[in-house]
Amino acid sequence: MNNGTHDPFNVGRKGIVEEGDSLMEELLETLEVMQDEELVNDLKESLKGVEEGRLGRLTSFFRS
């Protein structure tokens, strides 16, 4: 029965493999970013700007 909701525990073998691949790619990207000290500092500064209200969140930018 499909009531329109996604059940992450019932995705089948192919879905599990695809989800695993996606998570591994995201993990590798995260590790790459963490190794780039300048990029990490830029991200921290941006997050600080959002918290202080100097910068807006990307979600509000894309809704415009």
Foldseek 3Di string as FASTA:
>chain_A
DCPPDDDPVPPDPVRVVVVVVVVVVVVVVVVVQVVVVVSVVVVVVVVVCCVVVNDPDVVVVVVD
